[in-house]
């Protein structure tokens, strides 16, 4: 699932919604911890975005200079008012960071979510737990109406992840990431009530 600052056109609102975003919190699971990205995370950020295997079908890997510039823009985002939030995925016990999760708010009380993990940390449930933690924050604290994501065709792992999390297929979008999924607050609340899946 790629990171993007572009909202789906169908989710644009006629009048802009201005979210009241508090200081980005740390979100704790077990054993996963999501902590706000900081200046000390530049080496991890550059390594992830510069690795072809990690980037996979999301986007072409960046060279070191491009990745460092992207990190600088990332760190400026909270100060410039961009509706983008980024957490580092870390092991709660070991403390070391190993991945990224991004949440990009649109103007209609929705947000695109994306996770970036290196191959060594894929297939271990980290993305499932990370998105479950962020979904609770998005719906309970930010009072969002929906989360959505997108990926390339034929990406079976991403499709399986979305189904496990209760996301529903949405109308196809433009390449290179035409496969779209959405999770509404009502669906999330029902899963919580029913103690279903990762939201139980």
C-alpha atoms as a PDB file:
ATOM      1  CA  UNK A   1       0.000   0.000   0.000  1.00  0.00           C
ATOM      2  CA  UNK A   2       1.588   3.261  -1.044  1.00  0.00           C
ATOM      3  CA  UNK A   3       1.770   6.494   0.853  1.00  0.00           C
ATOM      4  CA  UNK A   4       0.106   9.414  -0.889  1.00  0.00           C
ATOM      5  CA  UNK A   5      -1.035  12.938  -0.142  1.00  0.00           C
ATOM      6  CA  UNK A   6      -3.845  12.694  -2.718  1.00  0.00           C
ATOM      7  CA  UNK A   7      -7.388  12.043  -1.524  1.00  0.00           C
ATOM      8  CA  UNK A   8      -9.809  10.092  -3.697  1.00  0.00           C
ATOM      9  CA  UNK A   9     -11.856  12.491  -5.839  1.00  0.00           C
ATOM     10  CA  UNK A  10     -15.085  10.861  -4.659  1.00  0.00           C
ATOM     11  CA  UNK A  11     -14.223  11.822  -1.102  1.00  0.00           C
ATOM     12  CA  UNK A  12     -13.732  15.525  -1.756  1.00  0.00           C
ATOM     13  CA  UNK A  13     -16.134  17.783   0.063  1.00  0.00           C
ATOM     14  CA  UNK A  14     -17.603  21.039  -1.253  1.00  0.00           C
ATOM     15  CA  UNK A  15     -16.653  22.825   1.933  1.00  0.00           C
ATOM     16  CA  UNK A  16     -13.338  21.976   3.555  1.00  0.00           C
ATOM     17  CA  UNK A  17     -13.424  20.130   6.860  1.00  0.00           C
ATOM     18  CA  UNK A  18     -10.705  21.212   9.247  1.00  0.00           C
ATOM     19  CA  UNK A  19      -9.761  18.440  11.675  1.00  0.00           C
ATOM     20  CA  UNK A  20      -8.693  19.311  15.181  1.00  0.00           C
ATOM     21  CA  UNK A  21      -5.493  17.251  15.373  1.00  0.00           C
ATOM     22  CA  UNK A  22      -3.877  17.036  18.809  1.00  0.00           C
ATOM     23  CA  UNK A  23      -0.221  16.229  19.319  1.00  0.00           C
ATOM     24  CA  UNK A  24       0.402  12.881  17.676  1.00  0.00           C
ATOM     25  CA  UNK A  25       0.149  10.164  20.337  1.00  0.00           C
ATOM     26  CA  UNK A  26       2.028   6.931  20.838  1.00  0.00           C
ATOM     27  CA  UNK A  27      -0.291   3.969  20.175  1.00  0.00           C
ATOM     28  CA  UNK A  28       0.536   0.828  22.109  1.00  0.00           C
ATOM     29  CA  UNK A  29      -0.353  -2.738  21.228  1.00  0.00           C
ATOM     30  CA  UNK A  30       1.378  -5.977  22.153  1.00  0.00           C
ATOM     31  CA  UNK A  31       4.098  -6.406  21.053  1.00  0.00           C
ATOM     32  CA  UNK A  32       3.738  -3.533  18.581  1.00  0.00           C
ATOM     33  CA  UNK A  33       4.266   0.124  19.438  1.00  0.00           C
ATOM     34  CA  UNK A  34       3.469   3.024  17.113  1.00  0.00           C
ATOM     35  CA  UNK A  35       5.399   6.166  18.035  1.00  0.00           C
ATOM     36  CA  UNK A  36       5.435   9.498  16.200  1.00  0.00           C
ATOM     37  CA  UNK A  37       8.269   9.852  13.708  1.00  0.00           C
ATOM     38  CA  UNK A  38      11.155  12.010  14.920  1.00  0.00           C
ATOM     39  CA  UNK A  39      14.388  13.487  13.628  1.00  0.00           C
ATOM     40  CA  UNK A  40      16.258  10.440  14.910  1.00  0.00           C
ATOM     41  CA  UNK A  41      14.375   8.250  12.433  1.00  0.00           C
ATOM     42  CA  UNK A  42      16.040   9.630   9.303  1.00  0.00           C
ATOM     43  CA  UNK A  43      18.320   6.562   8.823  1.00  0.00           C
ATOM     44  CA  UNK A  44      15.358   4.174   9.001  1.00  0.00           C
ATOM     45  CA  UNK A  45      13.253   6.335   6.682  1.00  0.00           C
ATOM     46  CA  UNK A  46      16.030   6.603   4.091  1.00  0.00           C
ATOM     47  CA  UNK A  47      16.767   2.878   4.301  1.00  0.00           C
ATOM     48  CA  UNK A  48      13.116   1.900   3.804  1.00  0.00           C
ATOM     49  CA  UNK A  49      12.432   4.247   0.912  1.00  0.00           C
ATOM     50  CA  UNK A  50      15.747   3.364  -0.720  1.00  0.00           C
ATOM     51  CA  UNK A  51      15.229  -0.391  -0.664  1.00  0.00           C
ATOM     52  CA  UNK A  52      13.697  -1.905  -3.795  1.00  0.00           C
ATOM     53  CA  UNK A  53      12.370  -4.998  -2.014  1.00  0.00           C
ATOM     54  CA  UNK A  54      10.684  -2.932   0.680  1.00  0.00           C
ATOM     55  CA  UNK A  55       9.083  -0.557  -1.792  1.00  0.00           C
ATOM     56  CA  UNK A  56       7.871  -3.519  -3.833  1.00  0.00           C
ATOM     57  CA  UNK A  57       4.753  -2.523  -5.742  1.00  0.00           C
ATOM     58  CA  UNK A  58       4.236   0.767  -3.914  1.00  0.00           C
ATOM     59  CA  UNK A  59       6.573   2.998  -5.934  1.00  0.00           C
ATOM     60  CA  UNK A  60      10.143   2.991  -7.301  1.00  0.00           C
ATOM     61  CA  UNK A  61      12.829   3.104  -4.628  1.00  0.00           C
ATOM     62  CA  UNK A  62      14.405   6.505  -3.988  1.00  0.00           C
ATOM     63  CA  UNK A  63      18.103   7.263  -4.099  1.00  0.00           C
ATOM     64  CA  UNK A  64      19.680   8.553  -0.905  1.00  0.00           C
ATOM     65  CA  UNK A  65      19.393  12.234  -1.831  1.00  0.00           C
ATOM     66  CA  UNK A  66      15.730  11.883  -2.817  1.00  0.00           C
ATOM     67  CA  UNK A  67      14.947   9.941   0.360  1.00  0.00           C
ATOM     68  CA  UNK A  68      16.631  12.559   2.544  1.00  0.00           C
ATOM     69  CA  UNK A  69      14.645  15.325   0.850  1.00  0.00           C
ATOM     70  CA  UNK A  70      11.446  13.338   1.357  1.00  0.00           C
ATOM     71  CA  UNK A  71      12.295  12.960   5.042  1.00  0.00           C
ATOM     72  CA  UNK A  72      12.863  16.707   5.356  1.00  0.00           C
ATOM     73  CA  UNK A  73       9.408  17.336   3.852  1.00  0.00           C
ATOM     74  CA  UNK A  74       7.994  14.749   6.231  1.00  0.00           C
ATOM     75  CA  UNK A  75       9.412  16.563   9.242  1.00  0.00           C
ATOM     76  CA  UNK A  76       8.067  19.909   7.992  1.00  0.00           C
ATOM     77  CA  UNK A  77       4.540  18.548   7.554  1.00  0.00           C
ATOM     78  CA  UNK A  78       3.253  19.169  11.120  1.00  0.00           C
ATOM     79  CA  UNK A  79       4.586  22.733  11.064  1.00  0.00           C
ATOM     80  CA  UNK A  80       3.172  23.505   7.596  1.00  0.00           C
ATOM     81  CA  UNK A  81      -0.346  22.303   8.429  1.00  0.00           C
ATOM     82  CA  UNK A  82      -0.341  19.293   6.128  1.00  0.00           C
ATOM     83  CA  UNK A  83      -2.903  16.699   7.125  1.00  0.00           C
ATOM     84  CA  UNK A  84      -0.332  13.905   7.272  1.00  0.00           C
ATOM     85  CA  UNK A  85       0.565  11.812  10.288  1.00  0.00           C
ATOM     86  CA  UNK A  86       3.392   9.289  10.392  1.00  0.00           C
ATOM     87  CA  UNK A  87       4.279   6.714  13.009  1.00  0.00           C
ATOM     88  CA  UNK A  88       7.262   4.420  13.393  1.00  0.00           C
ATOM     89  CA  UNK A  89       6.459   0.747  13.941  1.00  0.00           C
ATOM     90  CA  UNK A  90       8.605  -0.572  16.779  1.00  0.00           C
ATOM     91  CA  UNK A  91       8.795  -3.598  19.025  1.00  0.00           C
ATOM     92  CA  UNK A  92       7.437  -2.604  22.430  1.00  0.00           C
ATOM     93  CA  UNK A  93      10.008  -4.717  24.224  1.00  0.00           C
ATOM     94  CA  UNK A  94      13.109  -4.284  22.048  1.00  0.00           C
ATOM     95  CA  UNK A  95      12.357  -0.657  21.200  1.00  0.00           C
ATOM     96  CA  UNK A  96      13.900  -0.752  17.737  1.00  0.00           C
ATOM     97  CA  UNK A  97      11.918   0.799  14.879  1.00  0.00           C
ATOM     98  CA  UNK A  98      11.463  -1.224  11.692  1.00  0.00           C
ATOM     99  CA  UNK A  99       8.581   0.219   9.639  1.00  0.00           C
ATOM    100  CA  UNK A 100       6.343   3.192   8.894  1.00  0.00           C
ATOM    101  CA  UNK A 101       2.610   3.864   8.936  1.00  0.00           C
ATOM    102  CA  UNK A 102       1.138   6.979   7.326  1.00  0.00           C
ATOM    103  CA  UNK A 103      -2.311   8.513   7.676  1.00  0.00           C
ATOM    104  CA  UNK A 104      -3.270  11.290   5.225  1.00  0.00           C
ATOM    105  CA  UNK A 105      -6.494  13.143   6.031  1.00  0.00           C
ATOM    106  CA  UNK A 106      -8.810  14.427   3.315  1.00  0.00           C
ATOM    107  CA  UNK A 107     -11.431  17.187   3.494  1.00  0.00           C
ATOM    108  CA  UNK A 108     -14.412  14.870   3.996  1.00  0.00           C
ATOM    109  CA  UNK A 109     -13.525  13.280   7.345  1.00  0.00           C
ATOM    110  CA  UNK A 110     -11.691  10.388   5.734  1.00  0.00           C
ATOM    111  CA  UNK A 111      -8.059   9.337   5.538  1.00  0.00           C
ATOM    112  CA  UNK A 112      -5.811   7.171   3.411  1.00  0.00           C
ATOM    113  CA  UNK A 113      -3.702   4.695   5.365  1.00  0.00           C
ATOM    114  CA  UNK A 114      -0.480   3.053   4.191  1.00  0.00           C
ATOM    115  CA  UNK A 115       2.136   0.788   5.772  1.00  0.00           C
ATOM    116  CA  UNK A 116       5.756   0.290   4.733  1.00  0.00           C
ATOM    117  CA  UNK A 117       7.573  -2.799   6.041  1.00  0.00           C
ATOM    118  CA  UNK A 118      10.844  -4.455   4.993  1.00  0.00           C
ATOM    119  CA  UNK A 119      10.610  -8.112   3.889  1.00  0.00           C
ATOM    120  CA  UNK A 120      12.085  -9.380   7.172  1.00  0.00           C
ATOM    121  CA  UNK A 121       9.080  -7.965   9.065  1.00  0.00           C
ATOM    122  CA  UNK A 122       6.333  -8.892   6.616  1.00  0.00           C
ATOM    123  CA  UNK A 123       3.900 -11.761   7.199  1.00  0.00           C
ATOM    124  CA  UNK A 124       4.118 -11.468  10.992  1.00  0.00           C
ATOM    125  CA  UNK A 125       0.909  -9.558  11.701  1.00  0.00           C
ATOM    126  CA  UNK A 126       2.591  -6.187  12.169  1.00  0.00           C
ATOM    127  CA  UNK A 127       0.578  -4.402   9.470  1.00  0.00           C
ATOM    128  CA  UNK A 128      -2.678  -5.887  10.779  1.00  0.00           C
ATOM    129  CA  UNK A 129      -2.040  -4.712  14.336  1.00  0.00           C
ATOM    130  CA  UNK A 130      -0.722  -1.321  13.223  1.00  0.00           C
ATOM    131  CA  UNK A 131      -3.784  -0.509  11.116  1.00  0.00           C
ATOM    132  CA  UNK A 132      -6.094  -1.779  13.869  1.00  0.00           C
ATOM    133  CA  UNK A 133      -4.431   0.613  16.354  1.00  0.00           C
ATOM    134  CA  UNK A 134      -4.651   3.552  13.951  1.00  0.00           C
ATOM    135  CA  UNK A 135      -8.271   2.753  13.061  1.00  0.00           C
ATOM    136  CA  UNK A 136      -9.279   3.125  16.698  1.00  0.00           C
ATOM    137  CA  UNK A 137      -7.437   6.440  16.917  1.00  0.00           C
ATOM    138  CA  UNK A 138      -8.962   7.634  13.633  1.00  0.00           C
ATOM    139  CA  UNK A 139     -12.550   6.796  14.537  1.00  0.00           C
ATOM    140  CA  UNK A 140     -12.563   7.517  18.271  1.00  0.00           C
ATOM    141  CA  UNK A 141     -10.163  10.462  18.599  1.00  0.00           C
ATOM    142  CA  UNK A 142     -10.166  12.137  15.177  1.00  0.00           C
ATOM    143  CA  UNK A 143     -13.861  11.348  14.626  1.00  0.00           C
ATOM    144  CA  UNK A 144     -13.265  10.294  11.034  1.00  0.00           C
ATOM    145  CA  UNK A 145     -15.973   8.671   8.908  1.00  0.00           C
ATOM    146  CA  UNK A 146     -13.843   6.334   6.820  1.00  0.00           C
ATOM    147  CA  UNK A 147     -10.390   4.954   6.139  1.00  0.00           C
ATOM    148  CA  UNK A 148      -9.278   3.878   2.689  1.00  0.00           C
ATOM    149  CA  UNK A 149      -6.274   2.408   0.929  1.00  0.00           C
ATOM    150  CA  UNK A 150      -5.113   1.340  -2.514  1.00  0.00           C
ATOM    151  CA  UNK A 151      -2.598  -1.012  -4.098  1.00  0.00           C
ATOM    152  CA  UNK A 152      -1.441  -2.532  -7.378  1.00  0.00           C
ATOM    153  CA  UNK A 153      -3.319  -5.297  -9.135  1.00  0.00           C
ATOM    154  CA  UNK A 154      -2.347  -8.839  -8.235  1.00  0.00           C
ATOM    155  CA  UNK A 155      -1.070  -7.873  -4.775  1.00  0.00           C
ATOM    156  CA  UNK A 156      -2.538 -10.853  -2.911  1.00  0.00           C
ATOM    157  CA  UNK A 157      -0.892 -10.001   0.424  1.00  0.00           C
ATOM    158  CA  UNK A 158      -2.389  -6.498   0.472  1.00  0.00           C
ATOM    159  CA  UNK A 159      -5.841  -7.804  -0.496  1.00  0.00           C
ATOM    160  CA  UNK A 160      -5.703 -10.422   2.252  1.00  0.00           C
ATOM    161  CA  UNK A 161      -4.679  -7.805   4.788  1.00  0.00           C
ATOM    162  CA  UNK A 162      -7.607  -5.575   3.871  1.00  0.00           C
ATOM    163  CA  UNK A 163     -10.097  -8.431   4.132  1.00  0.00           C
ATOM    164  CA  UNK A 164      -8.757  -9.437   7.562  1.00  0.00           C
ATOM    165  CA  UNK A 165      -9.236  -5.853   8.725  1.00  0.00           C
ATOM    166  CA  UNK A 166     -12.807  -5.666   7.457  1.00  0.00           C
ATOM    167  CA  UNK A 167     -12.150  -3.235   4.590  1.00  0.00           C
ATOM    168  CA  UNK A 168     -14.609  -3.553   1.715  1.00  0.00           C
ATOM    169  CA  UNK A 169     -13.768  -3.343  -2.017  1.00  0.00           C
ATOM    170  CA  UNK A 170     -14.359   0.100  -3.520  1.00  0.00           C
ATOM    171  CA  UNK A 171     -14.640   1.236  -7.164  1.00  0.00           C
ATOM    172  CA  UNK A 172     -11.371   0.851  -9.052  1.00  0.00           C
ATOM    173  CA  UNK A 173      -9.104   3.844  -9.447  1.00  0.00           C
ATOM    174  CA  UNK A 174      -6.354   4.876 -11.833  1.00  0.00           C
ATOM    175  CA  UNK A 175      -3.080   2.942 -12.275  1.00  0.00           C
ATOM    176  CA  UNK A 176      -0.595   2.216 -10.842  1.00  0.00           C
ATOM    177  CA  UNK A 177      -2.712   1.477  -7.739  1.00  0.00           C
ATOM    178  CA  UNK A 178      -6.224   0.801  -9.049  1.00  0.00           C
ATOM    179  CA  UNK A 179      -7.382  -1.606  -6.333  1.00  0.00           C
ATOM    180  CA  UNK A 180      -9.249   0.363  -3.658  1.00  0.00           C
ATOM    181  CA  UNK A 181     -10.614  -0.582  -0.245  1.00  0.00           C
ATOM    182  CA  UNK A 182     -12.575   1.332   2.377  1.00  0.00           C
ATOM    183  CA  UNK A 183     -13.505   0.867   6.034  1.00  0.00           C
ATOM    184  CA  UNK A 184     -16.354   2.953   7.443  1.00  0.00           C
ATOM    185  CA  UNK A 185     -16.750   3.888  11.070  1.00  0.00           C
ATOM    186  CA  UNK A 186     -20.038   1.920  11.157  1.00  0.00           C
ATOM    187  CA  UNK A 187     -18.326  -1.259   9.951  1.00  0.00           C
ATOM    188  CA  UNK A 188     -15.520  -0.752  12.463  1.00  0.00           C
ATOM    189  CA  UNK A 189     -17.985  -0.180  15.316  1.00  0.00           C
ATOM    190  CA  UNK A 190     -19.919  -3.329  14.390  1.00  0.00           C
ATOM    191  CA  UNK A 191     -16.710  -5.378  14.405  1.00  0.00           C
ATOM    192  CA  UNK A 192     -15.850  -3.984  17.833  1.00  0.00           C
ATOM    193  CA  UNK A 193     -19.306  -4.866  19.187  1.00  0.00           C
ATOM    194  CA  UNK A 194     -19.089  -8.372  17.727  1.00  0.00           C
ATOM    195  CA  UNK A 195     -15.491  -8.771  18.915  1.00  0.00           C
ATOM    196  CA  UNK A 196     -14.599  -9.739  15.349  1.00  0.00           C
ATOM    197  CA  UNK A 197     -11.102  -9.980  13.907  1.00  0.00           C
ATOM    198  CA  UNK A 198      -8.261  -7.620  14.898  1.00  0.00           C
ATOM    199  CA  UNK A 199     -10.735  -5.051  16.303  1.00  0.00           C
ATOM    200  CA  UNK A 200     -11.953  -7.379  19.067  1.00  0.00           C
END
